[in-house]
């Protein structure tokens, strides 16, 4: 059974929040872009934290039966991406997140809270 976008978003945000990721934001891109339906953006405190978040997200996707997810990046790069059928999760180091500023780039797209994803 495929999960809905909202179920995936809720599971990912809950995971990131429980693992102390910072500044978690979900952007609804459905009306603004064709590269993804949603971006989930979070910041890790340091490279070991980024690695733990990235490894944990891979386990989450596998354990939840999310088949066909894609992943890019390594913790040393400071930016890792996981994409599951239009829900793209970006985990950054603070400096790179500020440099690429995806929230500003997609400022016209609405953001969601965890409550709205339920």
PDB file of N, CA and C in Angstrom:
ATOM      1  N   UNK A   1       0.839  -1.184   0.000  1.00  0.00           N
ATOM      2  CA  UNK A   1       0.000   0.000   0.000  1.00  0.00           C
ATOM      3  C   UNK A   1       0.885   1.249   0.000  1.00  0.00           C
ATOM      4  N   UNK A   2       0.632   2.140  -0.904  1.00  0.00           N
ATOM      5  CA  UNK A   2       1.381   3.383  -0.966  1.00  0.00           C
ATOM      6  C   UNK A   2       0.880   4.350   0.097  1.00  0.00           C
ATOM      7  N   UNK A   3       1.788   5.060   0.666  1.00  0.00           N
ATOM      8  CA  UNK A   3       1.429   6.078   1.650  1.00  0.00           C
ATOM      9  C   UNK A   3       1.142   7.384   0.927  1.00  0.00           C
ATOM     10  N   UNK A   4       0.307   8.198   1.532  1.00  0.00           N
ATOM     11  CA  UNK A   4       0.029   9.511   0.956  1.00  0.00           C
ATOM     12  C   UNK A   4       1.195  10.443   1.256  1.00  0.00           C
ATOM     13  N   UNK A   5       1.273  11.529   0.498  1.00  0.00           N
ATOM     14  CA  UNK A   5       2.308  12.527   0.757  1.00  0.00           C
ATOM     15  C   UNK A   5       2.252  13.004   2.204  1.00  0.00           C
ATOM     16  N   UNK A   6       1.049  13.239   2.722  1.00  0.00           N
ATOM     17  CA  UNK A   6       0.912  13.740   4.079  1.00  0.00           C
ATOM     18  C   UNK A   6       1.444  12.730   5.100  1.00  0.00           C
ATOM     19  N   UNK A   7       1.224  11.444   4.877  1.00  0.00           N
ATOM     20  CA  UNK A   7       1.756  10.431   5.795  1.00  0.00           C
ATOM     21  C   UNK A   7       3.281  10.396   5.756  1.00  0.00           C
ATOM     22  N   UNK A   8       3.840  10.496   4.566  1.00  0.00           N
ATOM     23  CA  UNK A   8       5.291  10.502   4.418  1.00  0.00           C
ATOM     24  C   UNK A   8       5.873  11.733   5.101  1.00  0.00           C
ATOM     25  N   UNK A   9       5.285  12.896   4.832  1.00  0.00           N
ATOM     26  CA  UNK A   9       5.765  14.148   5.429  1.00  0.00           C
ATOM     27  C   UNK A   9       5.714  14.052   6.952  1.00  0.00           C
ATOM     28  N   UNK A  10       4.612  13.564   7.484  1.00  0.00           N
ATOM     29  CA  UNK A  10       4.472  13.455   8.942  1.00  0.00           C
ATOM     30  C   UNK A  10       5.551  12.544   9.516  1.00  0.00           C
ATOM     31  N   UNK A  11       5.784  11.390   8.907  1.00  0.00           N
ATOM     32  CA  UNK A  11       6.791  10.454   9.411  1.00  0.00           C
ATOM     33  C   UNK A  11       8.191  11.070   9.358  1.00  0.00           C
ATOM     34  N   UNK A  12       8.506  11.736   8.263  1.00  0.00           N
ATOM     35  CA  UNK A  12       9.835  12.337   8.115  1.00  0.00           C
ATOM     36  C   UNK A  12      10.021  13.477   9.115  1.00  0.00           C
ATOM     37  N   UNK A  13       9.042  14.362   9.228  1.00  0.00           N
ATOM     38  CA  UNK A  13       9.163  15.491  10.160  1.00  0.00           C
ATOM     39  C   UNK A  13       9.262  14.990  11.592  1.00  0.00           C
ATOM     40  N   UNK A  14       8.457  14.011  11.946  1.00  0.00           N
ATOM     41  CA  UNK A  14       8.511  13.449  13.298  1.00  0.00           C
ATOM     42  C   UNK A  14       9.889  12.860  13.573  1.00  0.00           C
ATOM     43  N   UNK A  15      10.416  12.105  12.615  1.00  0.00           N
ATOM     44  CA  UNK A  15      11.750  11.526  12.760  1.00  0.00           C
ATOM     45  C   UNK A  15      12.786  12.619  12.969  1.00  0.00           C
ATOM     46  N   UNK A  16      12.776  13.635  12.097  1.00  0.00           N
ATOM     47  CA  UNK A  16      13.767  14.714  12.191  1.00  0.00           C
ATOM     48  C   UNK A  16      13.657  15.459  13.521  1.00  0.00           C
ATOM     49  N   UNK A  17      12.440  15.716  13.949  1.00  0.00           N
ATOM     50  CA  UNK A  17      12.222  16.428  15.206  1.00  0.00           C
ATOM     51  C   UNK A  17      12.737  15.609  16.392  1.00  0.00           C
ATOM     52  N   UNK A  18      12.439  14.321  16.413  1.00  0.00           N
ATOM     53  CA  UNK A  18      12.890  13.452  17.502  1.00  0.00           C
ATOM     54  C   UNK A  18      14.408  13.317  17.533  1.00  0.00           C
ATOM     55  N   UNK A  19      15.062  13.478  16.386  1.00  0.00           N
ATOM     56  CA  UNK A  19      16.531  13.360  16.301  1.00  0.00           C
ATOM     57  C   UNK A  19      17.213  14.719  16.379  1.00  0.00           C
ATOM     58  N   UNK A  20      16.490  15.722  16.860  1.00  0.00           N
ATOM     59  CA  UNK A  20      17.054  17.051  17.131  1.00  0.00           C
ATOM     60  C   UNK A  20      17.530  17.815  15.901  1.00  0.00           C
ATOM     61  N   UNK A  21      16.946  17.532  14.721  1.00  0.00           N
ATOM     62  CA  UNK A  21      17.212  18.388  13.567  1.00  0.00           C
ATOM     63  C   UNK A  21      16.634  19.765  13.882  1.00  0.00           C
ATOM     64  N   UNK A  22      17.221  20.790  13.321  1.00  0.00           N
ATOM     65  CA  UNK A  22      16.811  22.160  13.622  1.00  0.00           C
ATOM     66  C   UNK A  22      16.080  22.786  12.439  1.00  0.00           C
ATOM     67  N   UNK A  23      15.219  23.750  12.757  1.00  0.00           N
ATOM     68  CA  UNK A  23      14.551  24.580  11.745  1.00  0.00           C
ATOM     69  C   UNK A  23      13.909  23.751  10.634  1.00  0.00           C
ATOM     70  N   UNK A  24      13.062  22.816  11.012  1.00  0.00           N
ATOM     71  CA  UNK A  24      12.406  21.943  10.035  1.00  0.00           C
ATOM     72  C   UNK A  24      11.285  22.722   9.354  1.00  0.00           C
ATOM     73  N   UNK A  25      11.330  22.749   8.024  1.00  0.00           N
ATOM     74  CA  UNK A  25      10.346  23.481   7.227  1.00  0.00           C
ATOM     75  C   UNK A  25       9.858  22.555   6.110  1.00  0.00           C
ATOM     76  N   UNK A  26       8.568  22.594   5.841  1.00  0.00           N
ATOM     77  CA  UNK A  26       8.003  21.880   4.695  1.00  0.00           C
ATOM     78  C   UNK A  26       7.409  22.905   3.748  1.00  0.00           C
ATOM     79  N   UNK A  27       7.815  22.838   2.491  1.00  0.00           N
ATOM     80  CA  UNK A  27       7.326  23.765   1.471  1.00  0.00           C
ATOM     81  C   UNK A  27       6.475  22.986   0.474  1.00  0.00           C
ATOM     82  N   UNK A  28       5.277  23.478   0.219  1.00  0.00           N
ATOM     83  CA  UNK A  28       4.353  22.868  -0.739  1.00  0.00           C
ATOM     84  C   UNK A  28       4.626  23.473  -2.120  1.00  0.00           C
ATOM     85  N   UNK A  29       5.242  22.677  -2.988  1.00  0.00           N
ATOM     86  CA  UNK A  29       5.638  23.161  -4.316  1.00  0.00           C
ATOM     87  C   UNK A  29       4.673  22.752  -5.428  1.00  0.00           C
ATOM     88  N   UNK A  30       3.580  22.123  -5.095  1.00  0.00           N
ATOM     89  CA  UNK A  30       2.701  21.559  -6.128  1.00  0.00           C
ATOM     90  C   UNK A  30       2.262  22.575  -7.172  1.00  0.00           C
ATOM     91  N   UNK A  31       2.054  23.811  -6.780  1.00  0.00           N
ATOM     92  CA  UNK A  31       1.611  24.844  -7.720  1.00  0.00           C
ATOM     93  C   UNK A  31       2.761  25.704  -8.237  1.00  0.00           C
ATOM     94  N   UNK A  32       3.997  25.385  -7.822  1.00  0.00           N
ATOM     95  CA  UNK A  32       5.112  26.276  -8.109  1.00  0.00           C
ATOM     96  C   UNK A  32       6.282  25.637  -8.848  1.00  0.00           C
ATOM     97  N   UNK A  33       6.344  24.331  -8.899  1.00  0.00           N
ATOM     98  CA  UNK A  33       7.512  23.680  -9.513  1.00  0.00           C
ATOM     99  C   UNK A  33       7.143  22.283  -9.987  1.00  0.00           C
ATOM    100  N   UNK A  34       7.953  21.769 -10.903  1.00  0.00           N
ATOM    101  CA  UNK A  34       7.728  20.399 -11.344  1.00  0.00           C
ATOM    102  C   UNK A  34       8.857  19.463 -10.905  1.00  0.00           C
ATOM    103  N   UNK A  35       9.776  19.962 -10.083  1.00  0.00           N
ATOM    104  CA  UNK A  35      10.874  19.113  -9.612  1.00  0.00           C
ATOM    105  C   UNK A  35      10.480  18.263  -8.408  1.00  0.00           C
ATOM    106  N   UNK A  36       9.481  18.702  -7.640  1.00  0.00           N
ATOM    107  CA  UNK A  36       9.004  17.968  -6.471  1.00  0.00           C
ATOM    108  C   UNK A  36       7.654  18.543  -6.067  1.00  0.00           C
ATOM    109  N   UNK A  37       6.889  17.747  -5.326  1.00  0.00           N
ATOM    110  CA  UNK A  37       5.633  18.248  -4.764  1.00  0.00           C
ATOM    111  C   UNK A  37       5.883  18.985  -3.453  1.00  0.00           C
ATOM    112  N   UNK A  38       6.824  18.467  -2.676  1.00  0.00           N
ATOM    113  CA  UNK A  38       7.150  19.054  -1.376  1.00  0.00           C
ATOM    114  C   UNK A  38       8.647  19.008  -1.147  1.00  0.00           C
ATOM    115  N   UNK A  39       9.161  20.028  -0.464  1.00  0.00           N
ATOM    116  CA  UNK A  39      10.507  20.018   0.090  1.00  0.00           C
ATOM    117  C   UNK A  39      10.358  19.967   1.597  1.00  0.00           C
ATOM    118  N   UNK A  40      11.103  19.091   2.233  1.00  0.00           N
ATOM    119  CA  UNK A  40      11.284  19.153   3.683  1.00  0.00           C
ATOM    120  C   UNK A  40      12.739  19.551   3.874  1.00  0.00           C
ATOM    121  N   UNK A  41      12.956  20.630   4.611  1.00  0.00           N
ATOM    122  CA  UNK A  41      14.302  21.166   4.803  1.00  0.00           C
ATOM    123  C   UNK A  41      14.606  21.155   6.300  1.00  0.00           C
ATOM    124  N   UNK A  42      15.799  20.660   6.638  1.00  0.00           N
ATOM    125  CA  UNK A  42      16.210  20.627   8.043  1.00  0.00           C
ATOM    126  C   UNK A  42      17.705  20.881   8.135  1.00  0.00           C
ATOM    127  N   UNK A  43      18.139  21.279   9.321  1.00  0.00           N
ATOM    128  CA  UNK A  43      19.546  21.556   9.564  1.00  0.00           C
ATOM    129  C   UNK A  43      20.080  20.604  10.620  1.00  0.00           C
ATOM    130  N   UNK A  44      21.278  20.061  10.338  1.00  0.00           N
ATOM    131  CA  UNK A  44      21.987  19.253  11.320  1.00  0.00           C
ATOM    132  C   UNK A  44      23.023  20.106  12.023  1.00  0.00           C
ATOM    133  N   UNK A  45      23.334  19.762  13.261  1.00  0.00           N
ATOM    134  CA  UNK A  45      24.241  20.569  14.078  1.00  0.00           C
ATOM    135  C   UNK A  45      25.692  20.495  13.606  1.00  0.00           C
ATOM    136  N   UNK A  46      26.095  19.351  13.064  1.00  0.00           N
ATOM    137  CA  UNK A  46      27.480  19.147  12.631  1.00  0.00           C
ATOM    138  C   UNK A  46      27.517  17.912  11.720  1.00  0.00           C
ATOM    139  N   UNK A  47      28.676  17.590  11.191  1.00  0.00           N
ATOM    140  CA  UNK A  47      28.769  16.469  10.240  1.00  0.00           C
ATOM    141  C   UNK A  47      28.351  15.126  10.849  1.00  0.00           C
ATOM    142  N   UNK A  48      28.761  14.786  12.086  1.00  0.00           N
ATOM    143  CA  UNK A  48      28.260  13.535  12.665  1.00  0.00           C
ATOM    144  C   UNK A  48      26.733  13.517  12.810  1.00  0.00           C
ATOM    145  N   UNK A  49      26.150  14.657  13.162  1.00  0.00           N
ATOM    146  CA  UNK A  49      24.695  14.738  13.270  1.00  0.00           C
ATOM    147  C   UNK A  49      24.045  14.572  11.897  1.00  0.00           C
ATOM    148  N   UNK A  50      24.623  15.212  10.869  1.00  0.00           N
ATOM    149  CA  UNK A  50      24.115  15.039   9.504  1.00  0.00           C
ATOM    150  C   UNK A  50      24.133  13.568   9.100  1.00  0.00           C
ATOM    151  N   UNK A  51      25.237  12.898   9.386  1.00  0.00           N
ATOM    152  CA  UNK A  51      25.352  11.478   9.040  1.00  0.00           C
ATOM    153  C   UNK A  51      24.299  10.657   9.770  1.00  0.00           C
ATOM    154  N   UNK A  52      24.103  10.936  11.049  1.00  0.00           N
ATOM    155  CA  UNK A  52      23.097  10.206  11.823  1.00  0.00           C
ATOM    156  C   UNK A  52      21.697  10.445  11.264  1.00  0.00           C
ATOM    157  N   UNK A  53      21.394  11.677  10.899  1.00  0.00           N
ATOM    158  CA  UNK A  53      20.079  11.977  10.310  1.00  0.00           C
ATOM    159  C   UNK A  53      19.902  11.265   8.980  1.00  0.00           C
ATOM    160  N   UNK A  54      20.905  11.322   8.146  1.00  0.00           N
ATOM    161  CA  UNK A  54      20.852  10.704   6.819  1.00  0.00           C
ATOM    162  C   UNK A  54      20.714   9.190   6.918  1.00  0.00           C
ATOM    163  N   UNK A  55      21.544   8.567   7.767  1.00  0.00           N
ATOM    164  CA  UNK A  55      21.452   7.115   7.958  1.00  0.00           C
ATOM    165  C   UNK A  55      20.098   6.733   8.532  1.00  0.00           C
ATOM    166  N   UNK A  56      19.627   7.529   9.488  1.00  0.00           N
ATOM    167  CA  UNK A  56      18.325   7.259  10.092  1.00  0.00           C
ATOM    168  C   UNK A  56      17.183   7.400   9.104  1.00  0.00           C
ATOM    169  N   UNK A  57      17.255   8.385   8.217  1.00  0.00           N
ATOM    170  CA  UNK A  57      16.214   8.542   7.191  1.00  0.00           C
ATOM    171  C   UNK A  57      16.202   7.344   6.243  1.00  0.00           C
ATOM    172  N   UNK A  58      17.379   6.842   5.885  1.00  0.00           N
ATOM    173  CA  UNK A  58      17.433   5.656   5.030  1.00  0.00           C
ATOM    174  C   UNK A  58      16.762   4.470   5.718  1.00  0.00           C
ATOM    175  N   UNK A  59      17.050   4.290   7.015  1.00  0.00           N
ATOM    176  CA  UNK A  59      16.400   3.202   7.759  1.00  0.00           C
ATOM    177  C   UNK A  59      14.896   3.411   7.820  1.00  0.00           C
ATOM    178  N   UNK A  60      14.484   4.659   8.071  1.00  0.00           N
ATOM    179  CA  UNK A  60      13.053   4.973   8.122  1.00  0.00           C
ATOM    180  C   UNK A  60      12.376   4.586   6.819  1.00  0.00           C
ATOM    181  N   UNK A  61      12.961   5.000   5.684  1.00  0.00           N
ATOM    182  CA  UNK A  61      12.368   4.679   4.387  1.00  0.00           C
ATOM    183  C   UNK A  61      12.307   3.174   4.158  1.00  0.00           C
ATOM    184  N   UNK A  62      13.379   2.473   4.478  1.00  0.00           N
ATOM    185  CA  UNK A  62      13.394   1.018   4.291  1.00  0.00           C
ATOM    186  C   UNK A  62      12.396   0.335   5.211  1.00  0.00           C
ATOM    187  N   UNK A  63      12.421   0.685   6.502  1.00  0.00           N
ATOM    188  CA  UNK A  63      11.532   0.049   7.480  1.00  0.00           C
ATOM    189  C   UNK A  63      10.062   0.329   7.198  1.00  0.00           C
ATOM    190  N   UNK A  64       9.770   1.522   6.669  1.00  0.00           N
ATOM    191  CA  UNK A  64       8.384   1.891   6.365  1.00  0.00           C
ATOM    192  C   UNK A  64       7.930   1.324   5.017  1.00  0.00           C
ATOM    193  N   UNK A  65       8.849   0.673   4.304  1.00  0.00           N
ATOM    194  CA  UNK A  65       8.481   0.078   3.025  1.00  0.00           C
ATOM    195  C   UNK A  65       8.409   1.080   1.888  1.00  0.00           C
ATOM    196  N   UNK A  66       9.086   2.223   2.035  1.00  0.00           N
ATOM    197  CA  UNK A  66       9.121   3.212   0.973  1.00  0.00           C
ATOM    198  C   UNK A  66      10.086   2.706  -0.088  1.00  0.00           C
ATOM    199  N   UNK A  67       9.557   2.149  -1.142  1.00  0.00           N
ATOM    200  CA  UNK A  67      10.412   1.603  -2.194  1.00  0.00           C
ATOM    201  C   UNK A  67      10.638   2.650  -3.283  1.00  0.00           C
ATOM    202  N   UNK A  68      11.839   2.664  -3.822  1.00  0.00           N
ATOM    203  CA  UNK A  68      12.132   3.554  -4.929  1.00  0.00           C
ATOM    204  C   UNK A  68      12.594   4.936  -4.538  1.00  0.00           C
ATOM    205  N   UNK A  69      13.049   5.110  -3.297  1.00  0.00           N
ATOM    206  CA  UNK A  69      13.558   6.433  -2.934  1.00  0.00           C
ATOM    207  C   UNK A  69      14.960   6.612  -3.504  1.00  0.00           C
ATOM    208  N   UNK A  70      15.296   7.848  -3.782  1.00  0.00           N
ATOM    209  CA  UNK A  70      16.615   8.206  -4.321  1.00  0.00           C
ATOM    210  C   UNK A  70      17.362   8.994  -3.255  1.00  0.00           C
ATOM    211  N   UNK A  71      18.687   8.909  -3.284  1.00  0.00           N
ATOM    212  CA  UNK A  71      19.481   9.674  -2.322  1.00  0.00           C
ATOM    213  C   UNK A  71      20.714  10.222  -3.013  1.00  0.00           C
ATOM    214  N   UNK A  72      21.140  11.392  -2.554  1.00  0.00           N
ATOM    215  CA  UNK A  72      22.328  12.065  -3.094  1.00  0.00           C
ATOM    216  C   UNK A  72      23.056  12.755  -1.955  1.00  0.00           C
ATOM    217  N   UNK A  73      24.366  12.851  -2.091  1.00  0.00           N
ATOM    218  CA  UNK A  73      25.172  13.586  -1.126  1.00  0.00           C
ATOM    219  C   UNK A  73      25.748  12.685  -0.048  1.00  0.00           C
ATOM    220  N   UNK A  74      26.744  13.228   0.631  1.00  0.00           N
ATOM    221  CA  UNK A  74      27.391  12.558   1.757  1.00  0.00           C
ATOM    222  C   UNK A  74      27.537  13.580   2.875  1.00  0.00           C
ATOM    223  N   UNK A  75      27.631  13.129   4.120  1.00  0.00           N
ATOM    224  CA  UNK A  75      27.717  14.090   5.222  1.00  0.00           C
ATOM    225  C   UNK A  75      28.848  15.110   5.065  1.00  0.00           C
ATOM    226  N   UNK A  76      29.981  14.699   4.522  1.00  0.00           N
ATOM    227  CA  UNK A  76      31.096  15.638   4.371  1.00  0.00           C
ATOM    228  C   UNK A  76      30.783  16.780   3.409  1.00  0.00           C
ATOM    229  N   UNK A  77      29.797  16.592   2.526  1.00  0.00           N
ATOM    230  CA  UNK A  77      29.435  17.661   1.586  1.00  0.00           C
ATOM    231  C   UNK A  77      28.613  18.754   2.264  1.00  0.00           C
ATOM    232  N   UNK A  78      27.985  18.424   3.397  1.00  0.00           N
ATOM    233  CA  UNK A  78      27.158  19.393   4.106  1.00  0.00           C
ATOM    234  C   UNK A  78      25.738  19.507   3.597  1.00  0.00           C
ATOM    235  N   UNK A  79      25.370  18.708   2.584  1.00  0.00           N
ATOM    236  CA  UNK A  79      24.002  18.754   2.034  1.00  0.00           C
ATOM    237  C   UNK A  79      23.658  17.381   1.484  1.00  0.00           C
ATOM    238  N   UNK A  80      22.634  16.779   2.017  1.00  0.00           N
ATOM    239  CA  UNK A  80      22.170  15.479   1.551  1.00  0.00           C
ATOM    240  C   UNK A  80      20.695  15.567   1.191  1.00  0.00           C
ATOM    241  N   UNK A  81      20.324  14.833   0.166  1.00  0.00           N
ATOM    242  CA  UNK A  81      18.948  14.872  -0.326  1.00  0.00           C
ATOM    243  C   UNK A  81      18.425  13.445  -0.436  1.00  0.00           C
ATOM    244  N   UNK A  82      17.181  13.258  -0.020  1.00  0.00           N
ATOM    245  CA  UNK A  82      16.467  12.008  -0.255  1.00  0.00           C
ATOM    246  C   UNK A  82      15.142  12.374  -0.919  1.00  0.00           C
ATOM    247  N   UNK A  83      14.770  11.637  -1.926  1.00  0.00           N
ATOM    248  CA  UNK A  83      13.552  11.927  -2.686  1.00  0.00           C
ATOM    249  C   UNK A  83      12.708  10.668  -2.731  1.00  0.00           C
ATOM    250  N   UNK A  84      11.472  10.794  -2.276  1.00  0.00           N
ATOM    251  CA  UNK A  84      10.543   9.675  -2.346  1.00  0.00           C
ATOM    252  C   UNK A  84       9.268  10.143  -3.041  1.00  0.00           C
ATOM    253  N   UNK A  85       9.153   9.832  -4.308  1.00  0.00           N
ATOM    254  CA  UNK A  85       7.955  10.124  -5.092  1.00  0.00           C
ATOM    255  C   UNK A  85       7.444  11.542  -4.910  1.00  0.00           C
ATOM    256  N   UNK A  86       8.336  12.512  -5.040  1.00  0.00           N
ATOM    257  CA  UNK A  86       7.906  13.907  -5.000  1.00  0.00           C
ATOM    258  C   UNK A  86       8.052  14.589  -3.659  1.00  0.00           C
ATOM    259  N   UNK A  87       8.399  13.839  -2.606  1.00  0.00           N
ATOM    260  CA  UNK A  87       8.701  14.446  -1.314  1.00  0.00           C
ATOM    261  C   UNK A  87      10.218  14.429  -1.188  1.00  0.00           C
ATOM    262  N   UNK A  88      10.837  15.604  -1.319  1.00  0.00           N
ATOM    263  CA  UNK A  88      12.285  15.716  -1.327  1.00  0.00           C
ATOM    264  C   UNK A  88      12.756  16.265   0.018  1.00  0.00           C
ATOM    265  N   UNK A  89      13.599  15.496   0.701  1.00  0.00           N
ATOM    266  CA  UNK A  89      14.103  15.866   2.021  1.00  0.00           C
ATOM    267  C   UNK A  89      15.529  16.384   1.871  1.00  0.00           C
ATOM    268  N   UNK A  90      15.763  17.632   2.291  1.00  0.00           N
ATOM    269  CA  UNK A  90      17.081  18.258   2.246  1.00  0.00           C
ATOM    270  C   UNK A  90      17.584  18.391   3.682  1.00  0.00           C
ATOM    271  N   UNK A  91      18.757  17.834   3.960  1.00  0.00           N
ATOM    272  CA  UNK A  91      19.374  17.990   5.275  1.00  0.00           C
ATOM    273  C   UNK A  91      20.705  18.702   5.064  1.00  0.00           C
ATOM    274  N   UNK A  92      20.830  19.866   5.680  1.00  0.00           N
ATOM    275  CA  UNK A  92      21.962  20.757   5.468  1.00  0.00           C
ATOM    276  C   UNK A  92      22.774  20.975   6.740  1.00  0.00           C
ATOM    277  N   UNK A  93      24.033  21.375   6.556  1.00  0.00           N
ATOM    278  CA  UNK A  93      24.774  22.089   7.577  1.00  0.00           C
ATOM    279  C   UNK A  93      24.278  23.534   7.536  1.00  0.00           C
ATOM    280  N   UNK A  94      24.335  24.225   8.656  1.00  0.00           N
ATOM    281  CA  UNK A  94      23.780  25.587   8.751  1.00  0.00           C
ATOM    282  C   UNK A  94      24.315  26.521   7.659  1.00  0.00           C
ATOM    283  N   UNK A  95      25.634  26.538   7.448  1.00  0.00           N
ATOM    284  CA  UNK A  95      26.224  27.479   6.492  1.00  0.00           C
ATOM    285  C   UNK A  95      25.713  27.239   5.070  1.00  0.00           C
ATOM    286  N   UNK A  96      25.612  25.977   4.664  1.00  0.00           N
ATOM    287  CA  UNK A  96      25.123  25.684   3.315  1.00  0.00           C
ATOM    288  C   UNK A  96      23.639  25.981   3.180  1.00  0.00           C
ATOM    289  N   UNK A  97      22.892  25.724   4.233  1.00  0.00           N
ATOM    290  CA  UNK A  97      21.461  26.050   4.173  1.00  0.00           C
ATOM    291  C   UNK A  97      21.274  27.551   3.975  1.00  0.00           C
ATOM    292  N   UNK A  98      22.048  28.336   4.700  1.00  0.00           N
ATOM    293  CA  UNK A  98      21.957  29.785   4.544  1.00  0.00           C
ATOM    294  C   UNK A  98      22.431  30.221   3.162  1.00  0.00           C
ATOM    295  N   UNK A  99      23.461  29.588   2.633  1.00  0.00           N
ATOM    296  CA  UNK A  99      23.987  29.942   1.320  1.00  0.00           C
ATOM    297  C   UNK A  99      22.959  29.659   0.214  1.00  0.00           C
ATOM    298  N   UNK A 100      22.382  28.455   0.211  1.00  0.00           N
ATOM    299  CA  UNK A 100      21.433  28.095  -0.849  1.00  0.00           C
ATOM    300  C   UNK A 100      20.038  28.660  -0.608  1.00  0.00           C
ATOM    301  N   UNK A 101      19.666  28.887   0.630  1.00  0.00           N
ATOM    302  CA  UNK A 101      18.436  29.576   1.024  1.00  0.00           C
ATOM    303  C   UNK A 101      17.217  29.140   0.198  1.00  0.00           C
ATOM    304  N   UNK A 102      16.913  27.862   0.257  1.00  0.00           N
ATOM    305  CA  UNK A 102      15.776  27.328  -0.507  1.00  0.00           C
ATOM    306  C   UNK A 102      14.451  27.961  -0.097  1.00  0.00           C
ATOM    307  N   UNK A 103      14.331  28.329   1.175  1.00  0.00           N
ATOM    308  CA  UNK A 103      13.093  28.975   1.614  1.00  0.00           C
ATOM    309  C   UNK A 103      12.878  30.301   0.891  1.00  0.00           C
ATOM    310  N   UNK A 104      13.931  31.058   0.683  1.00  0.00           N
ATOM    311  CA  UNK A 104      13.809  32.329  -0.046  1.00  0.00           C
ATOM    312  C   UNK A 104      13.562  32.076  -1.536  1.00  0.00           C
ATOM    313  N   UNK A 105      14.255  31.084  -2.080  1.00  0.00           N
ATOM    314  CA  UNK A 105      14.082  30.753  -3.493  1.00  0.00           C
ATOM    315  C   UNK A 105      12.623  30.393  -3.797  1.00  0.00           C
ATOM    316  N   UNK A 106      11.992  29.679  -2.879  1.00  0.00           N
ATOM    317  CA  UNK A 106      10.600  29.246  -3.066  1.00  0.00           C
ATOM    318  C   UNK A 106       9.653  30.010  -2.150  1.00  0.00           C
ATOM    319  N   UNK A 107       9.936  31.282  -1.903  1.00  0.00           N
ATOM    320  CA  UNK A 107       9.161  32.090  -0.952  1.00  0.00           C
ATOM    321  C   UNK A 107       7.694  32.241  -1.329  1.00  0.00           C
ATOM    322  N   UNK A 108       7.354  32.077  -2.608  1.00  0.00           N
ATOM    323  CA  UNK A 108       5.958  32.214  -3.018  1.00  0.00           C
ATOM    324  C   UNK A 108       5.141  30.952  -2.750  1.00  0.00           C
ATOM    325  N   UNK A 109       5.805  29.869  -2.424  1.00  0.00           N
ATOM    326  CA  UNK A 109       5.120  28.601  -2.141  1.00  0.00           C
ATOM    327  C   UNK A 109       4.758  28.556  -0.653  1.00  0.00           C
ATOM    328  N   UNK A 110       3.591  28.004  -0.329  1.00  0.00           N
ATOM    329  CA  UNK A 110       3.191  27.931   1.083  1.00  0.00           C
ATOM    330  C   UNK A 110       4.020  26.918   1.863  1.00  0.00           C
ATOM    331  N   UNK A 111       4.164  27.179   3.155  1.00  0.00           N
ATOM    332  CA  UNK A 111       4.817  26.224   4.038  1.00  0.00           C
ATOM    333  C   UNK A 111       3.751  25.510   4.864  1.00  0.00           C
ATOM    334  N   UNK A 112       4.102  24.304   5.303  1.00  0.00           N
ATOM    335  CA  UNK A 112       3.179  23.493   6.098  1.00  0.00           C
ATOM    336  C   UNK A 112       3.756  23.269   7.480  1.00  0.00           C
ATOM    337  N   UNK A 113       2.885  23.182   8.473  1.00  0.00           N
ATOM    338  CA  UNK A 113       3.305  22.760   9.800  1.00  0.00           C
ATOM    339  C   UNK A 113       3.043  21.269   9.919  1.00  0.00           C
ATOM    340  N   UNK A 114       3.570  20.651  10.954  1.00  0.00           N
ATOM    341  CA  UNK A 114       3.325  19.228  11.170  1.00  0.00           C
ATOM    342  C   UNK A 114       1.834  18.958  11.282  1.00  0.00           C
ATOM    343  N   UNK A 115       1.110  19.838  11.956  1.00  0.00           N
ATOM    344  CA  UNK A 115      -0.330  19.676  12.131  1.00  0.00           C
ATOM    345  C   UNK A 115      -1.043  19.651  10.777  1.00  0.00           C
ATOM    346  N   UNK A 116      -0.618  20.498   9.833  1.00  0.00           N
ATOM    347  CA  UNK A 116      -1.255  20.546   8.518  1.00  0.00           C
ATOM    348  C   UNK A 116      -0.949  19.296   7.691  1.00  0.00           C
ATOM    349  N   UNK A 117       0.159  18.628   7.993  1.00  0.00           N
ATOM    350  CA  UNK A 117       0.525  17.414   7.265  1.00  0.00           C
ATOM    351  C   UNK A 117      -0.278  16.211   7.746  1.00  0.00           C
ATOM    352  N   UNK A 118      -0.951  16.339   8.883  1.00  0.00           N
ATOM    353  CA  UNK A 118      -1.715  15.197   9.432  1.00  0.00           C
ATOM    354  C   UNK A 118      -3.029  14.994   8.711  1.00  0.00           C
TER     355      UNK A 118
END
